[in-house]
Amino acid sequence: MKLKGINQLIQHVPELQTVRGKMIPILSFIAVFATTSALFLLVDWRFSEWMPDGEIVVMAIGFLLLSRFYSQKQRYQEKYGELAYRNAFLRFNIPGLGILFASIAHMGYMPGPEIPEIWWRVDLIVLGYLFITIGAVLWLRSVAAIGIDYLTMLYLYFPADSRLEDSRIYSILRHPIYAAALYIGIGLAFAHANWYALVVAVILPIFLTGWIRLVEEKELITRFPNYINHRSRVPAFFPKPSTFPKFLRIIITGT
């Protein structure tokens, strides 16, 4: 089954029609993810007291790289023309996302003091696996509904080609992809039952809120002034109690 939005993405990045063109971003992401994870393992082994501060620093670097995809748009368009999106995505988004994915995964195995064997530890671990499951399903549902073109932020560089996206999930969450990543990170921290991981789990939504407010939504408001009304009505990451049944329906059935 072809992913929604793949034709629009290929239209602007035609090399994705070749095996080499598809493998370059995939292998680049894997390389960054593996390198960052190896760094975490090395530091965990030699300097475990570096956590959770080090985790926060690495996450900040990931978000900084992603922000350059936005801040360097005009310069890249002037320098590379039609190749601006492709080059910026490979140089900023791929390493930024690789670092952030590795950082979220690290929440499931980072060193630090474990939560003692008290009555609520088991409940916390079970809740963690529930969060991971919901996050993973939400990510898959969101990608299928939103499309790979929106997922890869294609229309930041090609706004004239964008389409009105009115997927049902957007009436419940403003940023379902980020919400999915947040749920998985929180779930890993809970399942790991580690105090340092829980500290990072508290800080992660602060990072994400800062990102969407200072970078992504700033751009959206510039392009779509009515987005301010949408932002005031729809939460970013966690559904309102009144929309929770609809949220569960999307998770379970995809509709």
C-alpha atoms as a PDB file:
ATOM      1  CA  MET A   1       0.000   0.000   0.000  1.00  0.00           C
ATOM      2  CA  LYS A   2       1.390   3.395  -1.009  1.00  0.00           C
ATOM      3  CA  LEU A   3       1.819   5.948   1.760  1.00  0.00           C
ATOM      4  CA  LYS A   4      -0.391   9.012   1.619  1.00  0.00           C
ATOM      5  CA  GLY A   5       1.542  12.007   0.281  1.00  0.00           C
ATOM      6  CA  ILE A   6       4.400   9.976  -1.228  1.00  0.00           C
ATOM      7  CA  ASN A   7       3.666  11.227  -4.759  1.00  0.00           C
ATOM      8  CA  GLN A   8       3.883  14.840  -3.605  1.00  0.00           C
ATOM      9  CA  LEU A   9       7.180  14.116  -1.874  1.00  0.00           C
ATOM     10  CA  ILE A  10       8.627  12.368  -4.938  1.00  0.00           C
ATOM     11  CA  GLN A  11       7.542  15.284  -7.103  1.00  0.00           C
ATOM     12  CA  HIS A  12       9.952  17.549  -5.214  1.00  0.00           C
ATOM     13  CA  VAL A  13      12.582  14.911  -4.438  1.00  0.00           C
ATOM     14  CA  PRO A  14      12.588  12.757  -7.601  1.00  0.00           C
ATOM     15  CA  GLU A  15      15.661  10.754  -6.533  1.00  0.00           C
ATOM     16  CA  LEU A  16      13.379   8.959  -4.069  1.00  0.00           C
ATOM     17  CA  GLN A  17      12.243   6.906  -7.058  1.00  0.00           C
ATOM     18  CA  THR A  18      15.632   5.170  -7.062  1.00  0.00           C
ATOM     19  CA  VAL A  19      16.932   2.653  -4.542  1.00  0.00           C
ATOM     20  CA  ARG A  20      19.981   4.833  -3.844  1.00  0.00           C
ATOM     21  CA  GLY A  21      17.803   7.891  -3.327  1.00  0.00           C
ATOM     22  CA  LYS A  22      15.653   6.039  -0.794  1.00  0.00           C
ATOM     23  CA  MET A  23      18.605   4.485   1.037  1.00  0.00           C
ATOM     24  CA  ILE A  24      20.571   7.697   1.613  1.00  0.00           C
ATOM     25  CA  PRO A  25      18.142   9.262   4.162  1.00  0.00           C
ATOM     26  CA  ILE A  26      17.400   5.881   5.773  1.00  0.00           C
ATOM     27  CA  LEU A  27      21.074   4.960   6.223  1.00  0.00           C
ATOM     28  CA  SER A  28      21.924   8.493   7.346  1.00  0.00           C
ATOM     29  CA  PHE A  29      19.253   8.328  10.040  1.00  0.00           C
ATOM     30  CA  ILE A  30      20.418   4.883  11.177  1.00  0.00           C
ATOM     31  CA  ALA A  31      24.031   6.098  11.339  1.00  0.00           C
ATOM     32  CA  VAL A  32      23.123   9.115  13.503  1.00  0.00           C
ATOM     33  CA  PHE A  33      20.851   7.029  15.733  1.00  0.00           C
ATOM     34  CA  ALA A  34      23.517   4.333  16.175  1.00  0.00           C
ATOM     35  CA  THR A  35      26.312   6.836  16.832  1.00  0.00           C
ATOM     36  CA  THR A  36      24.253   8.725  19.416  1.00  0.00           C
ATOM     37  CA  SER A  37      23.206   5.470  21.095  1.00  0.00           C
ATOM     38  CA  ALA A  38      26.844   4.303  21.183  1.00  0.00           C
ATOM     39  CA  LEU A  39      27.796   7.609  22.809  1.00  0.00           C
ATOM     40  CA  PHE A  40      25.103   7.111  25.431  1.00  0.00           C
ATOM     41  CA  LEU A  41      26.317   3.567  26.148  1.00  0.00           C
ATOM     42  CA  LEU A  42      29.915   4.726  26.500  1.00  0.00           C
ATOM     43  CA  VAL A  43      29.008   7.587  28.805  1.00  0.00           C
ATOM     44  CA  ASP A  44      26.636   5.362  30.798  1.00  0.00           C
ATOM     45  CA  TRP A  45      29.517   2.960  31.363  1.00  0.00           C
ATOM     46  CA  ARG A  46      32.251   5.483  32.184  1.00  0.00           C
ATOM     47  CA  PHE A  47      30.407   8.520  33.550  1.00  0.00           C
ATOM     48  CA  SER A  48      26.962   7.427  34.712  1.00  0.00           C
ATOM     49  CA  GLU A  49      26.744  10.483  36.987  1.00  0.00           C
ATOM     50  CA  TRP A  50      26.522  12.541  33.786  1.00  0.00           C
ATOM     51  CA  MET A  51      22.826  11.657  33.604  1.00  0.00           C
ATOM     52  CA  PRO A  52      20.248  13.126  33.411  1.00  0.00           C
ATOM     53  CA  ASP A  53      22.035  16.408  32.598  1.00  0.00           C
ATOM     54  CA  GLY A  54      23.793  14.880  29.604  1.00  0.00           C
ATOM     55  CA  GLU A  55      20.540  13.554  28.198  1.00  0.00           C
ATOM     56  CA  ILE A  56      19.054  17.049  28.348  1.00  0.00           C
ATOM     57  CA  VAL A  57      22.103  18.523  26.578  1.00  0.00           C
ATOM     58  CA  VAL A  58      21.923  15.938  23.778  1.00  0.00           C
ATOM     59  CA  MET A  59      18.191  16.570  23.316  1.00  0.00           C
ATOM     60  CA  ALA A  60      18.868  20.298  23.094  1.00  0.00           C
ATOM     61  CA  ILE A  61      21.400  19.654  20.315  1.00  0.00           C
ATOM     62  CA  GLY A  62      18.784  17.619  18.421  1.00  0.00           C
ATOM     63  CA  PHE A  63      16.214  20.405  18.645  1.00  0.00           C
ATOM     64  CA  LEU A  64      18.838  22.980  17.653  1.00  0.00           C
ATOM     65  CA  LEU A  65      19.599  21.042  14.468  1.00  0.00           C
ATOM     66  CA  LEU A  66      15.902  20.767  13.637  1.00  0.00           C
ATOM     67  CA  SER A  67      15.451  24.508  14.138  1.00  0.00           C
ATOM     68  CA  ARG A  68      18.023  25.181  11.429  1.00  0.00           C
ATOM     69  CA  PHE A  69      15.693  23.532   8.912  1.00  0.00           C
ATOM     70  CA  TYR A  70      13.479  26.558   9.559  1.00  0.00           C
ATOM     71  CA  SER A  71      16.033  29.302  10.149  1.00  0.00           C
ATOM     72  CA  GLN A  72      18.135  28.446   7.085  1.00  0.00           C
ATOM     73  CA  LYS A  73      15.206  28.151   4.664  1.00  0.00           C
ATOM     74  CA  GLN A  74      15.702  31.434   2.840  1.00  0.00           C
ATOM     75  CA  ARG A  75      19.461  31.025   2.570  1.00  0.00           C
ATOM     76  CA  TYR A  76      19.116  27.487   1.244  1.00  0.00           C
ATOM     77  CA  GLN A  77      16.458  28.485  -1.270  1.00  0.00           C
ATOM     78  CA  GLU A  78      18.688  31.261  -2.591  1.00  0.00           C
ATOM     79  CA  LYS A  79      21.716  28.954  -2.740  1.00  0.00           C
ATOM     80  CA  TYR A  80      20.199  25.661  -3.924  1.00  0.00           C
ATOM     81  CA  GLY A  81      16.877  26.542  -5.545  1.00  0.00           C
ATOM     82  CA  GLU A  82      14.737  23.413  -6.044  1.00  0.00           C
ATOM     83  CA  LEU A  83      17.282  21.360  -4.082  1.00  0.00           C
ATOM     84  CA  ALA A  84      16.920  23.531  -0.964  1.00  0.00           C
ATOM     85  CA  TYR A  85      14.395  21.247   0.734  1.00  0.00           C
ATOM     86  CA  ARG A  86      16.323  18.066  -0.011  1.00  0.00           C
ATOM     87  CA  ASN A  87      19.640  19.475   1.204  1.00  0.00           C
ATOM     88  CA  ALA A  88      18.191  21.066   4.322  1.00  0.00           C
ATOM     89  CA  PHE A  89      16.307  17.891   5.265  1.00  0.00           C
ATOM     90  CA  LEU A  90      19.426  15.740   4.924  1.00  0.00           C
ATOM     91  CA  ARG A  91      21.683  18.172   6.777  1.00  0.00           C
ATOM     92  CA  PHE A  92      19.368  19.251   9.591  1.00  0.00           C
ATOM     93  CA  ASN A  93      16.301  17.033   9.978  1.00  0.00           C
ATOM     94  CA  ILE A  94      17.971  13.654   9.563  1.00  0.00           C
ATOM     95  CA  PRO A  95      20.692  14.248  12.190  1.00  0.00           C
ATOM     96  CA  GLY A  96      18.298  16.148  14.457  1.00  0.00           C
ATOM     97  CA  LEU A  97      15.689  13.391  14.367  1.00  0.00           C
ATOM     98  CA  GLY A  98      18.327  10.679  14.751  1.00  0.00           C
ATOM     99  CA  ILE A  99      19.627  12.347  17.912  1.00  0.00           C
ATOM    100  CA  LEU A 100      16.145  12.877  19.351  1.00  0.00           C
ATOM    101  CA  PHE A 101      15.005   9.313  18.607  1.00  0.00           C
ATOM    102  CA  ALA A 102      18.153   7.956  20.257  1.00  0.00           C
ATOM    103  CA  SER A 103      17.566  10.237  23.247  1.00  0.00           C
ATOM    104  CA  ILE A 104      13.990   9.020  23.668  1.00  0.00           C
ATOM    105  CA  ALA A 105      15.098   5.389  23.340  1.00  0.00           C
ATOM    106  CA  HIS A 106      17.778   6.040  25.983  1.00  0.00           C
ATOM    107  CA  MET A 107      15.045   6.786  28.503  1.00  0.00           C
ATOM    108  CA  GLY A 108      14.397   3.050  28.548  1.00  0.00           C
ATOM    109  CA  TYR A 109      17.909   2.044  29.624  1.00  0.00           C
ATOM    110  CA  MET A 110      19.730   5.047  31.119  1.00  0.00           C
ATOM    111  CA  PRO A 111      21.603   4.439  34.380  1.00  0.00           C
ATOM    112  CA  GLY A 112      20.544   5.935  37.672  1.00  0.00           C
ATOM    113  CA  PRO A 113      18.772   5.117  40.939  1.00  0.00           C
ATOM    114  CA  GLU A 114      15.906   2.707  40.478  1.00  0.00           C
ATOM    115  CA  ILE A 115      12.523   3.181  42.084  1.00  0.00           C
ATOM    116  CA  PRO A 116      12.456   0.805  45.063  1.00  0.00           C
ATOM    117  CA  GLU A 117      10.172  -2.207  45.256  1.00  0.00           C
ATOM    118  CA  ILE A 118       7.175  -0.353  46.644  1.00  0.00           C
ATOM    119  CA  TRP A 119       3.523  -1.030  45.975  1.00  0.00           C
ATOM    120  CA  TRP A 120       3.130   1.388  43.045  1.00  0.00           C
ATOM    121  CA  ARG A 121       6.268   0.320  41.137  1.00  0.00           C
ATOM    122  CA  VAL A 122       4.418  -2.499  39.332  1.00  0.00           C
ATOM    123  CA  ASP A 123       1.554  -0.148  38.457  1.00  0.00           C
ATOM    124  CA  LEU A 124       4.068   2.353  37.075  1.00  0.00           C
ATOM    125  CA  ILE A 125       5.701  -0.279  34.865  1.00  0.00           C
ATOM    126  CA  VAL A 126       2.334  -1.484  33.531  1.00  0.00           C
ATOM    127  CA  LEU A 127       1.344   2.129  32.832  1.00  0.00           C
ATOM    128  CA  GLY A 128       4.644   2.561  31.010  1.00  0.00           C
ATOM    129  CA  TYR A 129       3.943  -0.277  28.592  1.00  0.00           C
ATOM    130  CA  LEU A 130       0.437   1.123  28.046  1.00  0.00           C
ATOM    131  CA  PHE A 131       1.900   4.522  27.130  1.00  0.00           C
ATOM    132  CA  ILE A 132       4.389   2.884  24.753  1.00  0.00           C
ATOM    133  CA  THR A 133       1.622   0.944  23.013  1.00  0.00           C
ATOM    134  CA  ILE A 134      -0.675   3.960  22.667  1.00  0.00           C
ATOM    135  CA  GLY A 135       2.223   6.101  21.429  1.00  0.00           C
ATOM    136  CA  ALA A 136       3.285   3.569  18.805  1.00  0.00           C
ATOM    137  CA  VAL A 137      -0.268   3.095  17.517  1.00  0.00           C
ATOM    138  CA  LEU A 138      -0.901   6.853  17.513  1.00  0.00           C
ATOM    139  CA  TRP A 139       2.253   7.383  15.458  1.00  0.00           C
ATOM    140  CA  LEU A 140       1.154   4.824  12.861  1.00  0.00           C
ATOM    141  CA  ARG A 141      -2.405   6.183  12.733  1.00  0.00           C
ATOM    142  CA  SER A 142      -1.130   9.751  12.405  1.00  0.00           C
ATOM    143  CA  VAL A 143       1.303   8.971   9.593  1.00  0.00           C
ATOM    144  CA  ALA A 144      -1.447   7.149   7.690  1.00  0.00           C
ATOM    145  CA  ALA A 145      -3.889  10.038   8.183  1.00  0.00           C
ATOM    146  CA  ILE A 146      -1.590  13.019   7.748  1.00  0.00           C
ATOM    147  CA  GLY A 147       0.701  11.742   5.004  1.00  0.00           C
ATOM    148  CA  ILE A 148       4.425  11.373   4.543  1.00  0.00           C
ATOM    149  CA  ASP A 149       4.601  14.794   2.875  1.00  0.00           C
ATOM    150  CA  TYR A 150       3.410  16.547   6.024  1.00  0.00           C
ATOM    151  CA  LEU A 151       5.496  14.266   8.228  1.00  0.00           C
ATOM    152  CA  THR A 152       8.648  15.336   6.381  1.00  0.00           C
ATOM    153  CA  MET A 153       7.648  19.050   6.511  1.00  0.00           C
ATOM    154  CA  LEU A 154       7.671  19.321   2.728  1.00  0.00           C
ATOM    155  CA  TYR A 155       5.365  22.331   2.571  1.00  0.00           C
ATOM    156  CA  LEU A 156       7.568  24.548   4.682  1.00  0.00           C
ATOM    157  CA  TYR A 157       9.699  24.880   1.540  1.00  0.00           C
ATOM    158  CA  PHE A 158       6.824  24.493  -0.961  1.00  0.00           C
ATOM    159  CA  PRO A 159       3.869  26.304   0.659  1.00  0.00           C
ATOM    160  CA  ALA A 160       2.111  26.898  -2.658  1.00  0.00           C
ATOM    161  CA  ASP A 161       1.657  23.146  -3.105  1.00  0.00           C
ATOM    162  CA  SER A 162       0.220  22.473   0.336  1.00  0.00           C
ATOM    163  CA  ARG A 163      -3.273  21.099   0.754  1.00  0.00           C
ATOM    164  CA  LEU A 164      -5.804  21.654   3.506  1.00  0.00           C
ATOM    165  CA  GLU A 165      -5.297  18.838   5.986  1.00  0.00           C
ATOM    166  CA  ASP A 166      -8.478  18.168   7.956  1.00  0.00           C
ATOM    167  CA  SER A 167      -7.739  14.754   9.399  1.00  0.00           C
ATOM    168  CA  ARG A 168      -9.954  13.858  12.371  1.00  0.00           C
ATOM    169  CA  ILE A 169      -6.946  13.570  14.656  1.00  0.00           C
ATOM    170  CA  TYR A 170      -6.263  17.304  14.255  1.00  0.00           C
ATOM    171  CA  SER A 171      -9.579  18.076  15.965  1.00  0.00           C
ATOM    172  CA  ILE A 172      -8.292  16.256  19.051  1.00  0.00           C
ATOM    173  CA  LEU A 173      -4.549  16.999  19.089  1.00  0.00           C
ATOM    174  CA  ARG A 174      -2.641  19.793  17.350  1.00  0.00           C
ATOM    175  CA  HIS A 175       0.541  17.745  17.128  1.00  0.00           C
ATOM    176  CA  PRO A 176      -0.274  14.019  17.110  1.00  0.00           C
ATOM    177  CA  ILE A 177       3.193  12.967  15.860  1.00  0.00           C
ATOM    178  CA  TYR A 178       4.915  14.795  18.699  1.00  0.00           C
ATOM    179  CA  ALA A 179       2.292  13.466  21.111  1.00  0.00           C
ATOM    180  CA  ALA A 180       3.130   9.920  19.995  1.00  0.00           C
ATOM    181  CA  ALA A 181       6.855  10.495  20.592  1.00  0.00           C
ATOM    182  CA  LEU A 182       6.065  12.004  23.992  1.00  0.00           C
ATOM    183  CA  TYR A 183       3.900   9.026  25.015  1.00  0.00           C
ATOM    184  CA  ILE A 184       6.628   6.589  23.993  1.00  0.00           C
ATOM    185  CA  GLY A 185       9.258   8.544  25.943  1.00  0.00           C
ATOM    186  CA  ILE A 186       7.091   8.713  29.053  1.00  0.00           C
ATOM    187  CA  GLY A 187       6.251   5.042  28.673  1.00  0.00           C
ATOM    188  CA  LEU A 188       9.917   4.034  28.443  1.00  0.00           C
ATOM    189  CA  ALA A 189      10.717   6.070  31.551  1.00  0.00           C
ATOM    190  CA  PHE A 190       7.848   4.504  33.491  1.00  0.00           C
ATOM    191  CA  ALA A 191       8.683   0.975  32.353  1.00  0.00           C
ATOM    192  CA  HIS A 192      12.355   1.514  33.219  1.00  0.00           C
ATOM    193  CA  ALA A 193      11.310   2.607  36.730  1.00  0.00           C
ATOM    194  CA  ASN A 194      14.371   4.832  37.038  1.00  0.00           C
ATOM    195  CA  TRP A 195      14.396   8.218  38.780  1.00  0.00           C
ATOM    196  CA  TYR A 196      16.700   9.861  36.217  1.00  0.00           C
ATOM    197  CA  ALA A 197      14.488   8.661  33.365  1.00  0.00           C
ATOM    198  CA  LEU A 198      11.457  10.107  35.145  1.00  0.00           C
ATOM    199  CA  VAL A 199      13.227  13.476  35.405  1.00  0.00           C
ATOM    200  CA  VAL A 200      13.782  13.453  31.632  1.00  0.00           C
ATOM    201  CA  ALA A 201      10.155  12.388  31.116  1.00  0.00           C
ATOM    202  CA  VAL A 202       9.082  15.563  32.953  1.00  0.00           C
ATOM    203  CA  ILE A 203      11.439  17.748  30.897  1.00  0.00           C
ATOM    204  CA  LEU A 204      10.577  16.243  27.476  1.00  0.00           C
ATOM    205  CA  PRO A 205       7.128  17.904  27.194  1.00  0.00           C
ATOM    206  CA  ILE A 206       8.754  21.218  28.171  1.00  0.00           C
ATOM    207  CA  PHE A 207      11.222  20.811  25.301  1.00  0.00           C
ATOM    208  CA  LEU A 208       8.420  19.920  22.889  1.00  0.00           C
ATOM    209  CA  THR A 209       6.251  22.820  24.031  1.00  0.00           C
ATOM    210  CA  GLY A 210       9.143  25.220  23.550  1.00  0.00           C
ATOM    211  CA  TRP A 211       9.800  23.778  20.090  1.00  0.00           C
ATOM    212  CA  ILE A 212       6.242  24.105  18.820  1.00  0.00           C
ATOM    213  CA  ARG A 213       5.715  27.547  20.363  1.00  0.00           C
ATOM    214  CA  LEU A 214       9.007  29.154  19.350  1.00  0.00           C
ATOM    215  CA  VAL A 215       9.619  27.429  16.023  1.00  0.00           C
ATOM    216  CA  GLU A 216       6.897  25.379  14.365  1.00  0.00           C
ATOM    217  CA  GLU A 217       3.759  27.250  15.384  1.00  0.00           C
ATOM    218  CA  LYS A 218       5.460  30.585  14.810  1.00  0.00           C
ATOM    219  CA  GLU A 219       5.817  29.549  11.171  1.00  0.00           C
ATOM    220  CA  LEU A 220       2.248  28.197  11.018  1.00  0.00           C
ATOM    221  CA  ILE A 221       0.775  31.437  12.367  1.00  0.00           C
ATOM    222  CA  THR A 222       2.692  33.394   9.742  1.00  0.00           C
ATOM    223  CA  ARG A 223       1.260  31.255   6.953  1.00  0.00           C
ATOM    224  CA  PHE A 224      -2.194  30.641   8.464  1.00  0.00           C
ATOM    225  CA  PRO A 225      -3.378  33.466  10.794  1.00  0.00           C
ATOM    226  CA  ASN A 226      -6.475  31.429  11.757  1.00  0.00           C
ATOM    227  CA  TYR A 227      -4.161  28.875  13.341  1.00  0.00           C
ATOM    228  CA  ILE A 228      -4.275  30.984  16.538  1.00  0.00           C
ATOM    229  CA  ASN A 229      -7.949  30.048  16.949  1.00  0.00           C
ATOM    230  CA  HIS A 230      -7.156  26.378  16.356  1.00  0.00           C
ATOM    231  CA  ARG A 231      -4.392  26.556  18.969  1.00  0.00           C
ATOM    232  CA  SER A 232      -6.743  28.035  21.539  1.00  0.00           C
ATOM    233  CA  ARG A 233      -9.293  25.237  21.020  1.00  0.00           C
ATOM    234  CA  VAL A 234      -7.176  22.106  20.573  1.00  0.00           C
ATOM    235  CA  PRO A 235      -4.492  20.871  22.999  1.00  0.00           C
ATOM    236  CA  ALA A 236      -1.063  19.988  21.673  1.00  0.00           C
ATOM    237  CA  PHE A 237      -0.315  16.580  23.208  1.00  0.00           C
ATOM    238  CA  PHE A 238      -3.033  15.286  25.532  1.00  0.00           C
ATOM    239  CA  PRO A 239      -6.714  15.087  24.565  1.00  0.00           C
ATOM    240  CA  LYS A 240      -9.356  16.893  26.555  1.00  0.00           C
ATOM    241  CA  PRO A 241     -11.621  14.655  28.688  1.00  0.00           C
ATOM    242  CA  SER A 242     -14.513  15.506  26.349  1.00  0.00           C
ATOM    243  CA  THR A 243     -12.615  14.235  23.294  1.00  0.00           C
ATOM    244  CA  PHE A 244     -11.014  11.224  24.955  1.00  0.00           C
ATOM    245  CA  PRO A 245     -13.623   8.731  23.598  1.00  0.00           C
ATOM    246  CA  LYS A 246     -12.890   9.985  20.053  1.00  0.00           C
ATOM    247  CA  PHE A 247      -9.176   9.673  20.754  1.00  0.00           C
ATOM    248  CA  LEU A 248      -9.597   6.045  21.868  1.00  0.00           C
ATOM    249  CA  ARG A 249     -11.685   5.313  18.779  1.00  0.00           C
ATOM    250  CA  ILE A 250      -8.889   6.580  16.523  1.00  0.00           C
ATOM    251  CA  ILE A 251      -6.332   4.504  18.422  1.00  0.00           C
ATOM    252  CA  ILE A 252      -8.436   1.343  18.246  1.00  0.00           C
ATOM    253  CA  THR A 253     -10.105   1.604  14.829  1.00  0.00           C
ATOM    254  CA  GLY A 254      -8.184   4.339  12.991  1.00  0.00           C
ATOM    255  CA  THR A 255     -11.399   6.255  12.220  1.00  0.00           C
END
